[in-house]
């Protein structure tokens, strides 16, 4: 029994410590557990948990305790008919009216729909050496349409081609070669090619397979001088010219790029005197050609990566075997992209392009990651809960099949009440990554004011309770007139010569007024900002810091120099989550190779490292194939400056040499010029973090 009573006392202290404020509005804004007593004759603390107020004999009719509410405003069911745009998320709109620090939970569902729109854009290298691949595309048009149609009947296809900037040294600009880039006066059987251009959009998004096949069949190849192509220029135009090409706002977007050669990069345009950087915008003329090819340089890889991600376009780089390694490096830098082998056109059974597209599209619909917009003062957690979902317990789900409904628990918590009423209306959008327009919108109204603060009918103006009518009795307390203050407006600001004994903390061997951190007025302390308590004895900024915020921001509150944590957190700075959800990997806590301590995995046993103990040093050379490590090593090797590669990378060092006898996980990447990049993955001094050593170039 003593243990139970002790627990209740501590629980009561925790709740009361959360409840602060001298007005009803301040009280209910401090925590969802706090209520306010408006009863005139009540003598106890007015801001307490509801149960404590009732126990202190505040009548329930005088208790202000606004309740949170939820309402589903939009809940369109899935549409799989031929003329409907399928809806994959339910509900689509939820309205929440909620108190500060109140956890609000509900369930949303995601179902990969049969009829969800898909837009495919084919972007082909138009050089003479790609002619047979273009012919193959025309032959496979019907098969491609049927293959995608089996997954989604709501598909569209578009088509464009590219070559390079029509200027020396990239393209021969002599009159005969401008008329026919394949011109050879010594040839017995001359080849006829179309005049050169860098990018040309040929067919808007269409459902007509016949129109697509006809346009591809009519493609005339062209040529240039040097090997690299204007590939990045073409991709950027194909993505950014949304209305010109016909990309739909709500669709899965897939760009199929095909080439047998490498690409120009930002800076190469200077060879032709083109110094203006690429502006990243659409510049198609009336004929569908890129109008600023001679005015702007090629885009950078990082610029293209940013544009690809913002426009939610997935890219398949279908390239010949001699370009695979180069384009693998490119896919490491561009999100939502992958490289595939473009088979030889001499293979009569080749259905390579169709197979590549079908494989990629099935991959796209087999996994989903739910993300949300970041809104100040609102914390959102999303976790998959369905048994069918791989990576359950995170915001990701793998192994989806069309029609399977996946549930996600959504937890919303308002962490602060803005002083400006206009900032108390918020909107949070939850959506699958790369599908922003297929979304759930959460409208949030923050309850930061008590009804009694707004209902003037309940006010007692010039109330006798407020010392001879020197204030308005509002919500059970006095709101004083000008030049009056004190709990009963008993103090006159124009006469401050009264005694100061009420401003000295009892038992303190000091005559310091208000602990030296406030002003004594009429025997009452008015505390400086950051201090509280009847004698300003509490420093509300002297608490632990986590992630640059006092008590971890939304994780807790600083009360009189100590963090009072929310139920889901603990620690001196509320830095430790009480659950192990941040340690889940493949539905296992720390991959069953470690323990979850303070929300982080502490690996046990020799050889396991990584955020989730997912990497094993003595399990072959598997670490060499981790995409993040390969990308980071490539970045350091290319720039020879590790400072350029710190984002999303572990610790990186440049070393003089790396040899295979230095232990496990010595890795290599073959570069485009045939040279090898060597790097080694090791453990840091603490035994848990990853360190990448990259051999310097010579």
Foldseek 3Di string as FASTA:
>chain_A
DVVVVVVVVVVQVLQFLQADDPDQLNRQQSELQWKAFQDQPQDDDGIGGPVVCVVSPRDPVRIFRDDKDKDQDAADQADQDLPDAGFFKPPFEMEIADHFQDKDKDKMKGFFAQAHEEEEEEEEEQAPVCLLVLLLCLVCLVVLLVLVCRRHVRYWYFYKYAFADCFPPWADPDVVCQCAVQDDPPDPDGDGFHGHAGMFTFGAIDSDSVVVSVRSVPRTGGHGDDFAGLVQVHLLQVQQVCVVRPPDLFHQAEYEYEDATHHDAFPPLVVRPADAADPSHHQADPRRGRPCSNNHGRYHLLSSQVSCQVSLYAYEYAYAPLCQQVVCLSPLRHPNYDYHYDDDSVPPVDPPVSVVVSVSVVQVSQKWAKDKDDDPQKDKAKFWDDPQFWVGLHRMGGRHDHPDMTMIMMIMRGNGDDPDQVSQWDKMWMDTRSRRVSIHIYIYGYPSDTPQVVPCVNKAQLDVQLPRRQAISTSNFGDGDPQFDDRSSPFGVVDFPDDQVLQDDPPDPDPDGLVVAFDAGPNFTDGHPQFDDRSSQARQQQFDDDPNHQLPRSQFGRRRNFTSGDPQFDDRSSQAGPDQSLQADRNDRLCVQAHQDSNFTDGDDPAFADRSSPGGQPPAQVVQPDSQLVSLLVVCQVVVDNVVRPPPHFAEEEDADDDPVPGTNWYWRQDSVRDIWTKGWDADPVRHTIYIYTYYDD
